[in-house]
N, C-alpha and C. Protein backbone atom coordinates (compact mmCIF):
# COMPACT_ATOMS: atom_id res chain seq x y z
N UNK A 1 0.97 -1.35 -0.03
CA UNK A 1 -0.01 -0.06 0.05
C UNK A 1 0.92 1.13 -0.04
N UNK A 2 0.26 2.27 -0.49
CA UNK A 2 1.19 3.52 -0.74
C UNK A 2 0.93 4.57 0.45
N UNK A 3 1.75 5.42 0.90
CA UNK A 3 1.33 6.17 1.99
C UNK A 3 0.58 7.49 1.41
N UNK A 4 -0.29 7.80 2.37
CA UNK A 4 -1.35 8.95 2.09
C UNK A 4 -0.60 10.10 1.72
N UNK A 5 0.48 10.38 2.18
CA UNK A 5 1.21 11.70 1.96
C UNK A 5 1.68 11.69 0.45
N UNK A 6 1.80 10.66 0.02
CA UNK A 6 2.46 10.47 -1.56
C UNK A 6 1.35 10.47 -2.58
N UNK A 7 0.20 10.52 -2.18
CA UNK A 7 -0.86 10.15 -3.07
C UNK A 7 -1.03 11.42 -4.16
N UNK A 8 -0.67 12.75 -3.88
CA UNK A 8 -0.60 13.72 -4.80
C UNK A 8 0.16 13.29 -5.94
N UNK A 9 1.32 12.87 -5.77
CA UNK A 9 2.23 12.13 -6.75
C UNK A 9 1.66 11.21 -7.77
N UNK A 10 0.48 10.69 -7.38
CA UNK A 10 0.00 9.64 -8.26
C UNK A 10 -1.13 10.02 -8.87
N UNK A 11 -1.66 11.09 -8.63
CA UNK A 11 -2.91 11.83 -9.49
C UNK A 11 -2.50 11.87 -10.85
N UNK A 12 -3.36 11.34 -11.80
CA UNK A 12 -3.33 11.50 -13.02
C UNK A 12 -2.58 10.39 -13.66
N UNK A 13 -2.14 9.26 -12.96
CA UNK A 13 -1.64 7.97 -13.13
C UNK A 13 -2.60 7.15 -13.56
N UNK A 14 -2.34 6.05 -14.32
CA UNK A 14 -3.45 4.91 -14.66
C UNK A 14 -3.87 4.20 -13.48
N UNK A 15 -4.85 4.01 -13.58
CA UNK A 15 -5.68 2.82 -12.51
C UNK A 15 -5.90 1.76 -13.24
N UNK A 16 -5.36 0.38 -12.61
CA UNK A 16 -5.50 -0.81 -13.61
C UNK A 16 -6.13 -1.99 -12.54
N UNK A 17 -6.98 -2.76 -13.13
CA UNK A 17 -7.48 -3.87 -12.40
C UNK A 17 -6.47 -4.92 -12.13
N UNK A 18 -6.77 -6.08 -11.61
CA UNK A 18 -5.90 -7.14 -11.30
C UNK A 18 -5.28 -7.91 -12.42
N UNK A 19 -5.91 -7.75 -13.71
CA UNK A 19 -5.48 -8.49 -14.61
C UNK A 19 -4.78 -7.39 -15.52
N UNK A 20 -4.53 -6.12 -15.35
CA UNK A 20 -3.75 -5.22 -15.77
C UNK A 20 -4.48 -4.36 -16.72
N UNK A 21 -5.86 -4.41 -16.86
CA UNK A 21 -6.66 -3.67 -17.75
C UNK A 21 -6.98 -2.14 -16.98
N UNK A 22 -6.65 -1.20 -18.10
CA UNK A 22 -6.79 -0.01 -17.64
C UNK A 22 -8.14 0.47 -17.10
N UNK A 23 -8.53 1.15 -16.15
CA UNK A 23 -9.79 1.36 -15.68
C UNK A 23 -9.90 2.96 -16.13
N UNK A 24 -8.91 3.73 -15.72
CA UNK A 24 -8.98 5.15 -15.93
C UNK A 24 -7.73 5.73 -15.45
N UNK A 25 -7.90 6.92 -14.99
CA UNK A 25 -6.65 7.67 -14.36
C UNK A 25 -7.23 8.12 -13.05
N UNK A 26 -6.16 8.05 -11.96
CA UNK A 26 -6.66 8.53 -10.56
C UNK A 26 -6.82 9.99 -10.41
N UNK A 27 -7.75 10.30 -9.71
CA UNK A 27 -8.17 11.85 -9.57
C UNK A 27 -8.06 12.24 -8.36
N UNK A 28 -8.52 11.23 -7.32
CA UNK A 28 -8.59 11.59 -5.76
C UNK A 28 -8.46 10.64 -5.15
N UNK A 29 -8.14 10.88 -3.76
CA UNK A 29 -8.24 9.77 -2.59
C UNK A 29 -9.14 10.17 -1.63
N UNK A 30 -9.88 9.20 -1.09
CA UNK A 30 -10.77 9.74 0.08
C UNK A 30 -10.18 8.64 1.21
N UNK A 31 -9.88 9.54 2.54
CA UNK A 31 -9.22 8.80 3.35
C UNK A 31 -10.47 8.49 4.30
N UNK A 32 -10.00 7.47 5.32
CA UNK A 32 -11.11 7.14 6.26
C UNK A 32 -10.84 8.25 7.41
N UNK A 33 -11.98 8.83 7.89
CA UNK A 33 -11.61 10.06 8.82
C UNK A 33 -11.17 9.52 10.13
N UNK A 34 -11.53 8.40 10.45
CA UNK A 34 -11.23 7.75 11.93
C UNK A 34 -9.53 7.34 11.77
N UNK A 35 -9.16 6.98 10.76
CA UNK A 35 -7.65 6.56 10.54
C UNK A 35 -6.61 7.28 9.85
N UNK A 36 -7.37 8.22 9.15
CA UNK A 36 -6.54 9.07 8.03
C UNK A 36 -5.79 8.22 6.97
N UNK A 37 -6.31 6.97 6.80
CA UNK A 37 -5.54 6.01 5.77
C UNK A 37 -6.43 5.98 4.79
N UNK A 38 -5.67 5.87 3.48
CA UNK A 38 -6.47 5.96 2.21
C UNK A 38 -7.69 4.66 2.25
N UNK A 39 -8.57 4.87 1.79
CA UNK A 39 -9.98 4.16 1.83
C UNK A 39 -10.53 3.91 0.54
N UNK A 40 -10.78 4.78 -0.47
CA UNK A 40 -11.16 4.98 -1.66
C UNK A 40 -10.37 5.77 -2.76
N UNK A 41 -10.66 5.47 -3.93
CA UNK A 41 -9.95 6.62 -4.89
C UNK A 41 -10.93 6.98 -5.83
N UNK A 42 -10.90 8.04 -6.56
CA UNK A 42 -11.84 8.13 -7.50
C UNK A 42 -11.03 8.10 -9.11
N UNK A 43 -11.91 7.56 -9.79
CA UNK A 43 -11.02 6.98 -11.10
C UNK A 43 -11.85 7.93 -12.27
N UNK A 44 -11.07 8.38 -13.08
CA UNK A 44 -11.74 9.22 -14.24
C UNK A 44 -12.06 8.31 -15.41
N UNK A 45 -13.34 8.16 -15.58
CA UNK A 45 -13.78 7.15 -16.66
C UNK A 45 -14.76 7.89 -17.73
N UNK A 46 -14.92 7.06 -18.71
CA UNK A 46 -15.95 7.58 -19.51
C UNK A 46 -15.20 8.11 -21.02
N UNK A 47 -16.16 8.72 -21.92
CA UNK A 47 -15.58 9.19 -23.12
C UNK A 47 -15.19 10.69 -22.90
N UNK A 48 -14.50 11.18 -23.77
CA UNK A 48 -13.75 12.57 -23.39
C UNK A 48 -15.02 13.61 -23.37
N UNK A 49 -16.18 13.28 -24.01
CA UNK A 49 -17.26 14.15 -23.89
C UNK A 49 -18.13 14.07 -22.63
N UNK A 50 -17.90 12.70 -22.04
CA UNK A 50 -18.96 12.56 -20.96
C UNK A 50 -18.06 11.74 -19.86
N UNK A 51 -17.38 12.62 -19.15
CA UNK A 51 -16.46 11.89 -18.15
C UNK A 51 -17.08 11.63 -16.79
N UNK A 52 -16.80 10.86 -15.92
CA UNK A 52 -17.32 10.76 -14.73
C UNK A 52 -16.35 10.25 -13.70
N UNK A 53 -16.44 10.37 -12.27
CA UNK A 53 -15.42 9.77 -11.49
C UNK A 53 -16.30 8.47 -10.70
N UNK A 54 -15.51 7.32 -10.71
CA UNK A 54 -15.97 6.17 -10.22
C UNK A 54 -15.27 6.12 -8.83
N UNK A 55 -15.83 5.39 -8.12
CA UNK A 55 -15.18 5.08 -6.84
C UNK A 55 -14.67 3.58 -6.91
N UNK A 56 -13.47 3.53 -6.06
CA UNK A 56 -12.98 1.93 -5.99
C UNK A 56 -12.15 2.03 -4.75
N UNK A 57 -12.54 1.04 -4.10
CA UNK A 57 -11.81 0.56 -2.57
C UNK A 57 -10.22 0.61 -2.87
N UNK A 58 -9.50 1.02 -1.92
CA UNK A 58 -8.02 0.72 -2.01
C UNK A 58 -7.44 -0.24 -1.02
N UNK A 59 -8.37 -0.96 -0.38
CA UNK A 59 -7.86 -2.05 0.23
C UNK A 59 -7.07 -3.14 -0.76
N UNK A 60 -6.00 -3.55 -0.55
CA UNK A 60 -5.31 -4.46 -1.54
C UNK A 60 -4.63 -3.72 -2.61
N UNK A 61 -4.70 -2.57 -2.82
CA UNK A 61 -4.12 -1.66 -3.73
C UNK A 61 -2.51 -1.61 -3.55
N UNK A 62 -1.91 -1.64 -4.82
CA UNK A 62 -0.54 -1.85 -4.75
C UNK A 62 0.03 -0.69 -5.98
N UNK A 63 1.09 -0.13 -5.75
CA UNK A 63 1.92 0.51 -6.73
C UNK A 63 2.71 -0.16 -7.54
N UNK A 64 2.45 0.30 -8.87
CA UNK A 64 3.51 -0.57 -9.79
C UNK A 64 4.01 0.42 -10.67
N UNK A 65 4.97 0.43 -11.76
CA UNK A 65 5.44 1.50 -12.29
C UNK A 65 4.61 2.06 -13.04
N UNK A 66 4.16 3.40 -12.81
CA UNK A 66 3.37 4.03 -13.57
C UNK A 66 1.94 4.04 -13.32
N UNK A 67 1.26 2.86 -12.28
CA UNK A 67 0.05 2.60 -12.39
C UNK A 67 -0.33 2.30 -10.97
N UNK A 68 -1.58 2.57 -10.37
CA UNK A 68 -2.17 1.92 -8.99
C UNK A 68 -3.09 0.88 -9.51
N UNK A 69 -2.61 -0.40 -8.92
CA UNK A 69 -3.31 -1.44 -9.12
C UNK A 69 -4.36 -1.83 -7.95
N UNK A 70 -5.58 -1.96 -8.36
CA UNK A 70 -6.47 -2.34 -7.36
C UNK A 70 -7.22 -3.65 -7.67
N UNK A 71 -7.76 -4.28 -6.68
CA UNK A 71 -8.27 -5.80 -6.75
C UNK A 71 -9.45 -5.96 -7.37
N UNK A 72 -10.19 -4.89 -7.76
CA UNK A 72 -11.42 -4.97 -8.15
C UNK A 72 -11.53 -4.94 -9.68
N UNK A 73 -12.23 -5.80 -10.59
CA UNK A 73 -12.14 -5.79 -11.92
C UNK A 73 -12.87 -4.41 -12.52
N UNK A 74 -12.42 -4.18 -13.81
CA UNK A 74 -12.72 -3.04 -14.53
C UNK A 74 -14.18 -2.79 -14.70
N UNK A 75 -14.90 -3.85 -15.04
CA UNK A 75 -16.37 -3.74 -15.08
C UNK A 75 -16.93 -3.16 -13.82
N UNK A 76 -16.44 -3.83 -12.65
CA UNK A 76 -17.07 -3.69 -11.44
C UNK A 76 -16.77 -2.12 -10.95
N UNK A 77 -15.56 -1.85 -11.48
CA UNK A 77 -15.34 -0.18 -10.87
C UNK A 77 -16.35 0.77 -11.94
N UNK A 78 -16.20 0.29 -13.18
CA UNK A 78 -16.88 1.29 -14.05
C UNK A 78 -18.76 1.28 -13.72
N UNK A 79 -19.04 0.18 -13.18
CA UNK A 79 -20.46 0.01 -12.72
C UNK A 79 -20.70 0.67 -11.48
N UNK A 80 -19.66 1.14 -10.64
CA UNK A 80 -19.79 1.56 -9.13
C UNK A 80 -20.41 3.03 -9.14
N UNK A 81 -20.75 3.20 -7.94
CA UNK A 81 -21.26 4.49 -7.67
C UNK A 81 -20.26 5.70 -8.20
N UNK A 82 -20.89 6.66 -8.79
CA UNK A 82 -20.13 7.59 -9.40
C UNK A 82 -20.64 9.27 -9.27
N UNK A 83 -19.67 10.16 -9.51
CA UNK A 83 -20.06 11.57 -9.31
C UNK A 83 -19.69 12.18 -10.77
N UNK A 84 -20.20 13.35 -10.83
CA UNK A 84 -19.74 14.24 -11.85
C UNK A 84 -18.32 14.67 -11.82
N UNK A 85 -17.57 14.89 -12.67
CA UNK A 85 -16.11 15.42 -12.58
C UNK A 85 -15.98 16.64 -11.46
N UNK A 86 -16.97 17.55 -11.24
CA UNK A 86 -17.08 18.46 -10.50
C UNK A 86 -17.94 18.41 -9.38
N UNK A 87 -18.23 17.09 -9.17
CA UNK A 87 -19.32 16.90 -8.14
C UNK A 87 -18.38 16.45 -6.61
N UNK A 88 -19.47 16.11 -5.96
CA UNK A 88 -18.66 15.57 -4.63
C UNK A 88 -19.63 14.48 -4.09
N UNK A 89 -19.01 13.78 -3.37
CA UNK A 89 -19.74 12.56 -2.50
C UNK A 89 -20.46 13.13 -1.25
N UNK A 90 -21.80 13.01 -1.26
CA UNK A 90 -22.49 13.41 -0.18
C UNK A 90 -22.59 12.35 1.04
N UNK A 91 -22.66 12.76 2.14
CA UNK A 91 -22.62 11.88 3.29
C UNK A 91 -23.70 10.68 3.27
N UNK A 92 -24.96 11.03 2.66
CA UNK A 92 -26.08 10.20 2.58
C UNK A 92 -25.78 9.05 1.64
N UNK A 93 -24.75 9.42 0.65
CA UNK A 93 -24.28 8.31 -0.45
C UNK A 93 -23.18 7.31 0.15
N UNK A 94 -22.73 7.79 1.32
CA UNK A 94 -21.45 6.93 1.70
C UNK A 94 -22.02 5.44 2.11
N UNK A 95 -22.91 5.22 2.76
CA UNK A 95 -23.38 3.73 2.98
C UNK A 95 -23.63 2.95 1.75
N UNK A 96 -24.17 3.66 0.72
CA UNK A 96 -24.46 2.95 -0.52
C UNK A 96 -23.07 2.52 -1.39
N UNK A 97 -22.24 3.33 -1.13
CA UNK A 97 -20.93 2.96 -1.71
C UNK A 97 -20.17 1.86 -1.13
N UNK A 98 -20.30 1.78 0.06
CA UNK A 98 -19.65 0.60 0.88
C UNK A 98 -20.44 -0.58 0.69
N UNK A 99 -21.65 -0.40 0.57
CA UNK A 99 -22.41 -1.85 0.28
C UNK A 99 -22.25 -2.25 -1.19
N UNK A 100 -22.18 -1.25 -2.09
CA UNK A 100 -21.93 -1.77 -3.55
C UNK A 100 -20.72 -2.71 -3.33
N UNK A 101 -19.65 -2.45 -2.85
CA UNK A 101 -18.45 -3.35 -2.70
C UNK A 101 -18.48 -4.34 -1.58
N UNK A 102 -19.67 -4.42 -0.89
CA UNK A 102 -19.70 -5.51 0.10
C UNK A 102 -18.91 -5.25 1.52
N UNK A 103 -18.81 -3.72 1.58
CA UNK A 103 -17.83 -3.52 2.78
C UNK A 103 -18.85 -2.84 3.93
N UNK A 104 -18.37 -3.38 5.23
CA UNK A 104 -19.24 -2.66 6.26
C UNK A 104 -19.03 -1.27 6.51
N UNK A 105 -20.12 -0.64 6.98
CA UNK A 105 -20.25 0.91 6.92
C UNK A 105 -20.54 1.37 8.39
N UNK A 106 -19.67 2.02 9.09
CA UNK A 106 -19.96 2.97 10.43
C UNK A 106 -19.68 4.24 10.39
N UNK A 107 -20.23 5.12 10.68
CA UNK A 107 -20.16 6.50 10.72
C UNK A 107 -19.11 6.69 11.64
N UNK A 108 -18.24 7.92 11.34
CA UNK A 108 -17.13 8.26 12.28
C UNK A 108 -17.61 8.67 13.45
N UNK A 109 -16.67 9.01 14.25
CA UNK A 109 -16.88 9.58 15.82
C UNK A 109 -17.93 10.59 15.69
N UNK A 110 -18.98 10.54 16.78
CA UNK A 110 -20.03 11.70 16.75
C UNK A 110 -20.96 11.48 15.52
N UNK A 111 -20.82 10.67 14.87
CA UNK A 111 -21.74 10.53 13.65
C UNK A 111 -21.17 11.26 12.57
N UNK A 112 -19.94 11.65 12.53
CA UNK A 112 -19.23 12.23 11.41
C UNK A 112 -19.26 11.30 10.07
N UNK A 113 -18.86 12.01 8.86
CA UNK A 113 -18.91 11.32 7.86
C UNK A 113 -17.55 10.39 7.88
N UNK A 114 -17.66 9.32 7.14
CA UNK A 114 -16.51 8.22 7.20
C UNK A 114 -15.52 8.56 6.23
N UNK A 115 -15.67 9.33 5.09
CA UNK A 115 -14.71 9.69 3.99
C UNK A 115 -14.26 11.30 3.94
N UNK A 116 -13.18 11.32 3.65
CA UNK A 116 -12.89 12.85 3.50
C UNK A 116 -11.90 12.81 2.32
N UNK A 117 -12.14 13.78 1.31
CA UNK A 117 -11.19 13.92 0.22
C UNK A 117 -10.01 14.41 0.41
N UNK A 118 -8.93 13.81 -0.03
CA UNK A 118 -7.56 14.35 0.18
C UNK A 118 -7.12 14.79 -1.16
């Protein structure tokens, strides 16, 4: 796993699935607000005229030369919850995002949102 401090260096790099298929490019990382560790990434996908940001968990992600490799397949990521390129993940959508990937969801301390964009 990469360090959260280094994530700015990876923006714009390819994101690939376990088989090495390019999914898109890394746009941002969302950290778990309770641990400050990388939890999800947004990946720029779509056609040049209709881009969107799809979410993918970073559990099990690794860095390889020029790319971030995630453990989820390309189709699953492209079908995942997404936002517009200038949008934001609203707190009410967080549980749906976790559920899509079969991950458990708990709000942060005192009911705070679980994910924060870095």
